[in-house]
PDB file of all heavy atoms in Angstrom:
ATOM      1  N   ARG A   1       0.291  -2.272  11.430  1.00  0.00           N
ATOM      2  CA  ARG A   1       0.918  -0.943  11.657  1.00  0.00           C
ATOM      3  C   ARG A   1       0.249   0.069  10.742  1.00  0.00           C
ATOM      4  O   ARG A   1      -0.610  -0.282   9.981  1.00  0.00           O
ATOM      5  CB  ARG A   1       2.470  -0.990  11.361  1.00  0.00           C
ATOM      6  CG  ARG A   1       2.769  -1.169   9.883  1.00  0.00           C
ATOM      7  CD  ARG A   1       4.238  -1.234   9.683  1.00  0.00           C
ATOM      8  NE  ARG A   1       4.683  -1.418   8.306  1.00  0.00           N
ATOM      9  CZ  ARG A   1       4.856  -0.408   7.475  1.00  0.00           C
ATOM     10  NH1 ARG A   1       4.637   0.940   7.850  1.00  0.00           N
ATOM     11  NH2 ARG A   1       5.222  -0.548   6.182  1.00  0.00           N
ATOM     12  N   GLU A   2       0.586   1.346  11.077  1.00  0.00           N
ATOM     13  CA  GLU A   2       0.108   2.400  10.267  1.00  0.00           C
ATOM     14  C   GLU A   2       1.049   2.587   9.122  1.00  0.00           C
ATOM     15  O   GLU A   2       2.301   2.489   9.284  1.00  0.00           O
ATOM     16  CB  GLU A   2      -0.033   3.747  11.049  1.00  0.00           C
ATOM     17  CG  GLU A   2      -1.061   3.677  12.190  1.00  0.00           C
ATOM     18  CD  GLU A   2      -1.181   5.046  12.980  1.00  0.00           C
ATOM     19  OE1 GLU A   2      -0.546   5.957  12.581  1.00  0.00           O
ATOM     20  OE2 GLU A   2      -2.080   5.115  13.843  1.00  0.00           O
ATOM     21  N   TYR A   3       0.508   2.976   7.930  1.00  0.00           N
ATOM     22  CA  TYR A   3       1.303   3.215   6.761  1.00  0.00           C
ATOM     23  C   TYR A   3       1.318   4.742   6.566  1.00  0.00           C
ATOM     24  O   TYR A   3       0.353   5.445   6.482  1.00  0.00           O
ATOM     25  CB  TYR A   3       0.739   2.537   5.573  1.00  0.00           C
ATOM     26  CG  TYR A   3       0.956   1.034   5.626  1.00  0.00           C
ATOM     27  CD1 TYR A   3       0.113   0.292   6.446  1.00  0.00           C
ATOM     28  CD2 TYR A   3       1.882   0.389   4.832  1.00  0.00           C
ATOM     29  CE1 TYR A   3       0.353  -1.169   6.533  1.00  0.00           C
ATOM     30  CE2 TYR A   3       2.154  -0.982   5.014  1.00  0.00           C
ATOM     31  CZ  TYR A   3       1.400  -1.676   5.712  1.00  0.00           C
ATOM     32  OH  TYR A   3       1.532  -3.091   5.798  1.00  0.00           O
ATOM     33  N   SER A   4       2.520   5.278   6.265  1.00  0.00           N
ATOM     34  CA  SER A   4       2.759   6.670   6.016  1.00  0.00           C
ATOM     35  C   SER A   4       2.507   6.946   4.472  1.00  0.00           C
ATOM     36  O   SER A   4       2.378   6.038   3.638  1.00  0.00           O
ATOM     37  CB  SER A   4       4.189   7.134   6.306  1.00  0.00           C
ATOM     38  OG  SER A   4       5.139   6.408   5.434  1.00  0.00           O
ATOM     39  N   TYR A   5       2.526   8.207   4.148  1.00  0.00           N
ATOM     40  CA  TYR A   5       2.401   8.644   2.773  1.00  0.00           C
ATOM     41  C   TYR A   5       3.474   8.033   1.908  1.00  0.00           C
ATOM     42  O   TYR A   5       3.086   7.369   0.878  1.00  0.00           O
ATOM     43  CB  TYR A   5       2.549  10.150   2.597  1.00  0.00           C
ATOM     44  CG  TYR A   5       2.569  10.692   1.282  1.00  0.00           C
ATOM     45  CD1 TYR A   5       1.520  10.798   0.458  1.00  0.00           C
ATOM     46  CD2 TYR A   5       3.818  11.024   0.705  1.00  0.00           C
ATOM     47  CE1 TYR A   5       1.590  11.345  -0.807  1.00  0.00           C
ATOM     48  CE2 TYR A   5       3.943  11.567  -0.568  1.00  0.00           C
ATOM     49  CZ  TYR A   5       2.826  11.641  -1.316  1.00  0.00           C
ATOM     50  OH  TYR A   5       2.916  12.167  -2.623  1.00  0.00           O
ATOM     51  N   SER A   6       4.722   8.046   2.290  1.00  0.00           N
ATOM     52  CA  SER A   6       5.780   7.366   1.540  1.00  0.00           C
ATOM     53  C   SER A   6       5.605   5.983   1.361  1.00  0.00           C
ATOM     54  O   SER A   6       5.863   5.337   0.388  1.00  0.00           O
ATOM     55  CB  SER A   6       7.208   7.739   2.115  1.00  0.00           C
ATOM     56  OG  SER A   6       7.245   7.231   3.486  1.00  0.00           O
ATOM     57  N   ASP A   7       5.052   5.296   2.453  1.00  0.00           N
ATOM     58  CA  ASP A   7       4.790   3.807   2.442  1.00  0.00           C
ATOM     59  C   ASP A   7       3.753   3.572   1.357  1.00  0.00           C
ATOM     60  O   ASP A   7       4.028   2.519   0.497  1.00  0.00           O
ATOM     61  CB  ASP A   7       4.231   3.307   3.790  1.00  0.00           C
ATOM     62  CG  ASP A   7       5.272   3.316   4.833  1.00  0.00           C
ATOM     63  OD1 ASP A   7       6.431   3.221   4.628  1.00  0.00           O
ATOM     64  OD2 ASP A   7       4.910   3.474   6.034  1.00  0.00           O
ATOM     65  N   ILE A   8       2.762   4.345   1.305  1.00  0.00           N
ATOM     66  CA  ILE A   8       1.658   4.080   0.286  1.00  0.00           C
ATOM     67  C   ILE A   8       2.199   4.337  -1.122  1.00  0.00           C
ATOM     68  O   ILE A   8       1.898   3.555  -2.035  1.00  0.00           O
ATOM     69  CB  ILE A   8       0.466   5.046   0.528  1.00  0.00           C
ATOM     70  CG1 ILE A   8      -0.083   4.794   1.947  1.00  0.00           C
ATOM     71  CG2 ILE A   8      -0.597   4.829  -0.567  1.00  0.00           C
ATOM     72  CD1 ILE A   8      -0.728   3.368   2.209  1.00  0.00           C
ATOM     73  N   VAL A   9       2.976   5.326  -1.317  1.00  0.00           N
ATOM     74  CA  VAL A   9       3.561   5.603  -2.643  1.00  0.00           C
ATOM     75  C   VAL A   9       4.434   4.465  -3.005  1.00  0.00           C
ATOM     76  O   VAL A   9       4.399   4.032  -4.180  1.00  0.00           O
ATOM     77  CB  VAL A   9       4.475   6.928  -2.583  1.00  0.00           C
ATOM     78  CG1 VAL A   9       5.280   7.066  -3.799  1.00  0.00           C
ATOM     79  CG2 VAL A   9       3.530   8.065  -2.388  1.00  0.00           C
ATOM     80  N   ALA A  10       5.301   3.955  -2.105  1.00  0.00           N
ATOM     81  CA  ALA A  10       6.145   2.790  -2.415  1.00  0.00           C
ATOM     82  C   ALA A  10       5.302   1.569  -2.806  1.00  0.00           C
ATOM     83  O   ALA A  10       5.592   0.847  -3.734  1.00  0.00           O
ATOM     84  CB  ALA A  10       6.998   2.456  -1.230  1.00  0.00           C
ATOM     85  N   ILE A  11       4.181   1.342  -2.026  1.00  0.00           N
ATOM     86  CA  ILE A  11       3.391   0.234  -2.324  1.00  0.00           C
ATOM     87  C   ILE A  11       2.697   0.280  -3.765  1.00  0.00           C
ATOM     88  O   ILE A  11       2.717  -0.638  -4.534  1.00  0.00           O
ATOM     89  CB  ILE A  11       2.283   0.024  -1.321  1.00  0.00           C
ATOM     90  CG1 ILE A  11       2.811  -0.378   0.097  1.00  0.00           C
ATOM     91  CG2 ILE A  11       1.177  -1.072  -1.732  1.00  0.00           C
ATOM     92  CD1 ILE A  11       1.836  -0.240   1.233  1.00  0.00           C
ATOM     93  N   SER A  12       2.361   1.593  -4.118  1.00  0.00           N
ATOM     94  CA  SER A  12       1.647   1.718  -5.354  1.00  0.00           C
ATOM     95  C   SER A  12       2.580   1.590  -6.558  1.00  0.00           C
ATOM     96  O   SER A  12       2.156   1.176  -7.687  1.00  0.00           O
ATOM     97  CB  SER A  12       1.113   3.197  -5.487  1.00  0.00           C
ATOM     98  OG  SER A  12       2.180   4.186  -5.522  1.00  0.00           O
ATOM     99  N   GLU A  13       3.864   1.639  -6.251  1.00  0.00           N
ATOM    100  CA  GLU A  13       4.992   1.497  -7.377  1.00  0.00           C
ATOM    101  C   GLU A  13       5.290  -0.013  -7.491  1.00  0.00           C
ATOM    102  O   GLU A  13       5.950  -0.384  -8.477  1.00  0.00           O
ATOM    103  CB  GLU A  13       6.156   2.300  -7.005  1.00  0.00           C
ATOM    104  CG  GLU A  13       5.944   3.774  -7.076  1.00  0.00           C
ATOM    105  CD  GLU A  13       7.101   4.600  -6.632  1.00  0.00           C
ATOM    106  OE1 GLU A  13       8.047   4.044  -5.985  1.00  0.00           O
ATOM    107  OE2 GLU A  13       7.079   5.853  -6.880  1.00  0.00           O
ATOM    108  N   LYS A  14       4.795  -0.807  -6.622  1.00  0.00           N
ATOM    109  CA  LYS A  14       5.071  -2.254  -6.769  1.00  0.00           C
ATOM    110  C   LYS A  14       4.110  -2.919  -7.734  1.00  0.00           C
ATOM    111  O   LYS A  14       2.934  -2.493  -7.874  1.00  0.00           O
ATOM    112  CB  LYS A  14       4.920  -2.940  -5.440  1.00  0.00           C
ATOM    113  CG  LYS A  14       5.967  -2.731  -4.438  1.00  0.00           C
ATOM    114  CD  LYS A  14       5.679  -3.572  -3.132  1.00  0.00           C
ATOM    115  CE  LYS A  14       6.780  -3.416  -2.084  1.00  0.00           C
ATOM    116  NZ  LYS A  14       6.494  -4.358  -0.926  1.00  0.00           N
ATOM    117  N   ALA A  15       4.493  -3.887  -8.431  1.00  0.00           N
ATOM    118  CA  ALA A  15       3.604  -4.754  -9.257  1.00  0.00           C
ATOM    119  C   ALA A  15       2.622  -5.404  -8.291  1.00  0.00           C
ATOM    120  O   ALA A  15       2.975  -5.849  -7.204  1.00  0.00           O
ATOM    121  CB  ALA A  15       4.370  -5.736 -10.029  1.00  0.00           C
ATOM    122  N   VAL A  16       1.341  -5.544  -8.799  1.00  0.00           N
ATOM    123  CA  VAL A  16       0.317  -6.109  -7.922  1.00  0.00           C
ATOM    124  C   VAL A  16       0.717  -7.466  -7.298  1.00  0.00           C
ATOM    125  O   VAL A  16       0.609  -7.723  -6.103  1.00  0.00           O
ATOM    126  CB  VAL A  16      -0.996  -6.257  -8.767  1.00  0.00           C
ATOM    127  CG1 VAL A  16      -2.069  -7.052  -7.915  1.00  0.00           C
ATOM    128  CG2 VAL A  16      -1.507  -4.936  -9.132  1.00  0.00           C
ATOM    129  N   PRO A  17       1.348  -8.369  -8.047  1.00  0.00           N
ATOM    130  CA  PRO A  17       1.680  -9.719  -7.500  1.00  0.00           C
ATOM    131  C   PRO A  17       2.764  -9.635  -6.365  1.00  0.00           C
ATOM    132  O   PRO A  17       2.868 -10.535  -5.531  1.00  0.00           O
ATOM    133  CB  PRO A  17       2.257 -10.520  -8.689  1.00  0.00           C
ATOM    134  CG  PRO A  17       1.747  -9.840  -9.876  1.00  0.00           C
ATOM    135  CD  PRO A  17       1.648  -8.434  -9.499  1.00  0.00           C
ATOM    136  N   GLU A  18       3.447  -8.438  -6.369  1.00  0.00           N
ATOM    137  CA  GLU A  18       4.575  -8.330  -5.331  1.00  0.00           C
ATOM    138  C   GLU A  18       4.021  -7.759  -4.066  1.00  0.00           C
ATOM    139  O   GLU A  18       4.689  -7.686  -3.019  1.00  0.00           O
ATOM    140  CB  GLU A  18       5.733  -7.412  -5.852  1.00  0.00           C
ATOM    141  CG  GLU A  18       6.403  -8.033  -7.056  1.00  0.00           C
ATOM    142  CD  GLU A  18       7.367  -7.075  -7.690  1.00  0.00           C
ATOM    143  OE1 GLU A  18       7.591  -5.938  -7.072  1.00  0.00           O
ATOM    144  OE2 GLU A  18       8.047  -7.386  -8.678  1.00  0.00           O
ATOM    145  N   ARG A  19       2.781  -7.312  -4.047  1.00  0.00           N
ATOM    146  CA  ARG A  19       2.197  -6.667  -2.767  1.00  0.00           C
ATOM    147  C   ARG A  19       1.644  -7.751  -1.846  1.00  0.00           C
ATOM    148  O   ARG A  19       1.103  -8.675  -2.272  1.00  0.00           O
ATOM    149  CB  ARG A  19       1.090  -5.640  -3.138  1.00  0.00           C
ATOM    150  CG  ARG A  19       1.436  -4.509  -4.012  1.00  0.00           C
ATOM    151  CD  ARG A  19       0.215  -3.788  -4.539  1.00  0.00           C
ATOM    152  NE  ARG A  19       0.578  -2.753  -5.434  1.00  0.00           N
ATOM    153  CZ  ARG A  19      -0.323  -2.285  -6.395  1.00  0.00           C
ATOM    154  NH1 ARG A  19      -1.585  -2.557  -6.363  1.00  0.00           N
ATOM    155  NH2 ARG A  19       0.126  -1.348  -7.239  1.00  0.00           N
ATOM    156  N   THR A  20       1.880  -7.487  -0.557  1.00  0.00           N
ATOM    157  CA  THR A  20       1.339  -8.387   0.437  1.00  0.00           C
ATOM    158  C   THR A  20      -0.198  -8.039   0.568  1.00  0.00           C
ATOM    159  O   THR A  20      -0.651  -7.019   0.153  1.00  0.00           O
ATOM    160  CB  THR A  20       1.946  -8.286   1.787  1.00  0.00           C
ATOM    161  OG1 THR A  20       1.637  -6.972   2.322  1.00  0.00           O
ATOM    162  CG2 THR A  20       3.463  -8.517   1.675  1.00  0.00           C
ATOM    163  N   TYR A  21      -1.034  -8.937   1.234  1.00  0.00           N
ATOM    164  CA  TYR A  21      -2.325  -8.737   1.408  1.00  0.00           C
ATOM    165  C   TYR A  21      -2.579  -7.443   2.172  1.00  0.00           C
ATOM    166  O   TYR A  21      -3.389  -6.614   1.882  1.00  0.00           O
ATOM    167  CB  TYR A  21      -2.927  -9.910   2.139  1.00  0.00           C
ATOM    168  CG  TYR A  21      -4.471  -9.839   2.388  1.00  0.00           C
ATOM    169  CD1 TYR A  21      -5.337  -9.772   1.355  1.00  0.00           C
ATOM    170  CD2 TYR A  21      -4.909  -9.802   3.682  1.00  0.00           C
ATOM    171  CE1 TYR A  21      -6.758  -9.735   1.605  1.00  0.00           C
ATOM    172  CE2 TYR A  21      -6.294  -9.779   3.987  1.00  0.00           C
ATOM    173  CZ  TYR A  21      -7.184  -9.759   2.841  1.00  0.00           C
ATOM    174  OH  TYR A  21      -8.522  -9.624   3.083  1.00  0.00           O
ATOM    175  N   GLU A  22      -1.815  -7.252   3.227  1.00  0.00           N
ATOM    176  CA  GLU A  22      -1.953  -6.138   4.084  1.00  0.00           C
ATOM    177  C   GLU A  22      -1.549  -4.779   3.299  1.00  0.00           C
ATOM    178  O   GLU A  22      -2.102  -3.800   3.457  1.00  0.00           O
ATOM    179  CB  GLU A  22      -1.051  -6.160   5.334  1.00  0.00           C
ATOM    180  CG  GLU A  22      -1.624  -7.261   6.352  1.00  0.00           C
ATOM    181  CD  GLU A  22      -1.330  -6.886   7.806  1.00  0.00           C
ATOM    182  OE1 GLU A  22      -0.509  -5.860   8.047  1.00  0.00           O
ATOM    183  OE2 GLU A  22      -1.774  -7.556   8.676  1.00  0.00           O
ATOM    184  N   GLU A  23      -0.513  -4.937   2.463  1.00  0.00           N
ATOM    185  CA  GLU A  23      -0.115  -3.761   1.695  1.00  0.00           C
ATOM    186  C   GLU A  23      -1.230  -3.407   0.742  1.00  0.00           C
ATOM    187  O   GLU A  23      -1.477  -2.175   0.595  1.00  0.00           O
ATOM    188  CB  GLU A  23       1.152  -4.063   0.913  1.00  0.00           C
ATOM    189  CG  GLU A  23       2.413  -4.045   1.702  1.00  0.00           C
ATOM    190  CD  GLU A  23       3.588  -4.426   0.921  1.00  0.00           C
ATOM    191  OE1 GLU A  23       3.497  -5.064  -0.058  1.00  0.00           O
ATOM    192  OE2 GLU A  23       4.764  -4.057   1.380  1.00  0.00           O
ATOM    193  N   GLN A  24      -1.940  -4.314   0.191  1.00  0.00           N
ATOM    194  CA  GLN A  24      -3.077  -3.995  -0.734  1.00  0.00           C
ATOM    195  C   GLN A  24      -4.236  -3.410  -0.032  1.00  0.00           C
ATOM    196  O   GLN A  24      -4.778  -2.481  -0.509  1.00  0.00           O
ATOM    197  CB  GLN A  24      -3.537  -5.325  -1.412  1.00  0.00           C
ATOM    198  CG  GLN A  24      -4.457  -5.046  -2.569  1.00  0.00           C
ATOM    199  CD  GLN A  24      -3.772  -4.328  -3.743  1.00  0.00           C
ATOM    200  OE1 GLN A  24      -2.745  -4.780  -4.193  1.00  0.00           O
ATOM    201  NE2 GLN A  24      -4.307  -3.170  -4.103  1.00  0.00           N
ATOM    202  N   ILE A  25      -4.434  -3.861   1.203  1.00  0.00           N
ATOM    203  CA  ILE A  25      -5.401  -3.182   2.071  1.00  0.00           C
ATOM    204  C   ILE A  25      -5.096  -1.776   2.266  1.00  0.00           C
ATOM    205  O   ILE A  25      -5.881  -0.808   2.248  1.00  0.00           O
ATOM    206  CB  ILE A  25      -5.636  -3.989   3.381  1.00  0.00           C
ATOM    207  CG1 ILE A  25      -6.222  -5.289   3.079  1.00  0.00           C
ATOM    208  CG2 ILE A  25      -6.613  -3.198   4.346  1.00  0.00           C
ATOM    209  CD1 ILE A  25      -6.326  -6.238   4.340  1.00  0.00           C
ATOM    210  N   ALA A  26      -3.863  -1.605   2.703  1.00  0.00           N
ATOM    211  CA  ALA A  26      -3.339  -0.170   3.055  1.00  0.00           C
ATOM    212  C   ALA A  26      -3.624   0.779   1.853  1.00  0.00           C
ATOM    213  O   ALA A  26      -3.886   1.905   1.899  1.00  0.00           O
ATOM    214  CB  ALA A  26      -1.898  -0.223   3.425  1.00  0.00           C
ATOM    215  N   LEU A  27      -3.250   0.196   0.686  1.00  0.00           N
ATOM    216  CA  LEU A  27      -3.308   1.001  -0.513  1.00  0.00           C
ATOM    217  C   LEU A  27      -4.812   1.282  -0.911  1.00  0.00           C
ATOM    218  O   LEU A  27      -5.186   2.416  -1.251  1.00  0.00           O
ATOM    219  CB  LEU A  27      -2.667   0.268  -1.765  1.00  0.00           C
ATOM    220  CG  LEU A  27      -2.624   1.005  -3.073  1.00  0.00           C
ATOM    221  CD1 LEU A  27      -1.876   2.266  -3.056  1.00  0.00           C
ATOM    222  CD2 LEU A  27      -2.024   0.060  -4.164  1.00  0.00           C
ATOM    223  N   ASN A  28      -5.661   0.275  -0.869  1.00  0.00           N
ATOM    224  CA  ASN A  28      -6.992   0.401  -1.293  1.00  0.00           C
ATOM    225  C   ASN A  28      -7.932   1.274  -0.338  1.00  0.00           C
ATOM    226  O   ASN A  28      -8.879   1.862  -0.808  1.00  0.00           O
ATOM    227  CB  ASN A  28      -7.693  -0.984  -1.408  1.00  0.00           C
ATOM    228  CG  ASN A  28      -7.323  -1.644  -2.780  1.00  0.00           C
ATOM    229  OD1 ASN A  28      -6.103  -1.567  -3.201  1.00  0.00           O
ATOM    230  ND2 ASN A  28      -8.324  -2.291  -3.478  1.00  0.00           N
ATOM    231  N   PHE A  29      -7.621   1.248   0.953  1.00  0.00           N
ATOM    232  CA  PHE A  29      -8.519   1.916   1.883  1.00  0.00           C
ATOM    233  C   PHE A  29      -7.840   3.118   2.487  1.00  0.00           C
ATOM    234  O   PHE A  29      -8.335   3.554   3.584  1.00  0.00           O
ATOM    235  CB  PHE A  29      -8.945   0.925   3.022  1.00  0.00           C
ATOM    236  CG  PHE A  29      -9.753  -0.230   2.380  1.00  0.00           C
ATOM    237  CD1 PHE A  29      -9.100  -1.541   2.263  1.00  0.00           C
ATOM    238  CD2 PHE A  29     -11.036  -0.053   2.111  1.00  0.00           C
ATOM    239  CE1 PHE A  29      -9.810  -2.560   1.627  1.00  0.00           C
ATOM    240  CE2 PHE A  29     -11.779  -1.179   1.652  1.00  0.00           C
ATOM    241  CZ  PHE A  29     -11.241  -2.385   1.400  1.00  0.00           C
ATOM    242  N   SER A  30      -6.803   3.676   1.942  1.00  0.00           N
ATOM    243  CA  SER A  30      -6.132   4.860   2.488  1.00  0.00           C
ATOM    244  C   SER A  30      -6.455   6.162   1.867  1.00  0.00           C
ATOM    245  O   SER A  30      -5.803   7.214   2.086  1.00  0.00           O
ATOM    246  CB  SER A  30      -4.552   4.659   2.467  1.00  0.00           C
ATOM    247  OG  SER A  30      -4.164   3.660   3.327  1.00  0.00           O
ATOM    248  N   HIS A  31      -7.571   6.204   1.021  1.00  0.00           N
ATOM    249  CA  HIS A  31      -7.927   7.361   0.260  1.00  0.00           C
ATOM    250  C   HIS A  31      -8.064   8.594   1.137  1.00  0.00           C
ATOM    251  O   HIS A  31      -7.550   9.660   0.881  1.00  0.00           O
ATOM    252  CB  HIS A  31      -9.056   7.142  -0.576  1.00  0.00           C
ATOM    253  CG  HIS A  31      -8.883   6.031  -1.537  1.00  0.00           C
ATOM    254  ND1 HIS A  31      -7.821   6.061  -2.559  1.00  0.00           N
ATOM    255  CD2 HIS A  31      -9.608   4.836  -1.745  1.00  0.00           C
ATOM    256  CE1 HIS A  31      -7.904   4.936  -3.173  1.00  0.00           C
ATOM    257  NE2 HIS A  31      -8.978   4.152  -2.867  1.00  0.00           N
ATOM    258  N   SER A  32      -8.852   8.450   2.162  1.00  0.00           N
ATOM    259  CA  SER A  32      -9.149   9.585   3.075  1.00  0.00           C
ATOM    260  C   SER A  32      -7.884  10.050   3.791  1.00  0.00           C
ATOM    261  O   SER A  32      -7.666  11.162   3.985  1.00  0.00           O
ATOM    262  CB  SER A  32     -10.316   9.289   4.032  1.00  0.00           C
ATOM    263  OG  SER A  32      -9.896   8.157   4.880  1.00  0.00           O
TER     264      SER A  32
END
């Protein structure tokens, strides 16, 4: 799915071990 601004913010606030693989992808590749 597509991740919104608030989704990315929420993911960034999680500890790294708590992020799913897809969440980490969303966080790492959503800069633009």
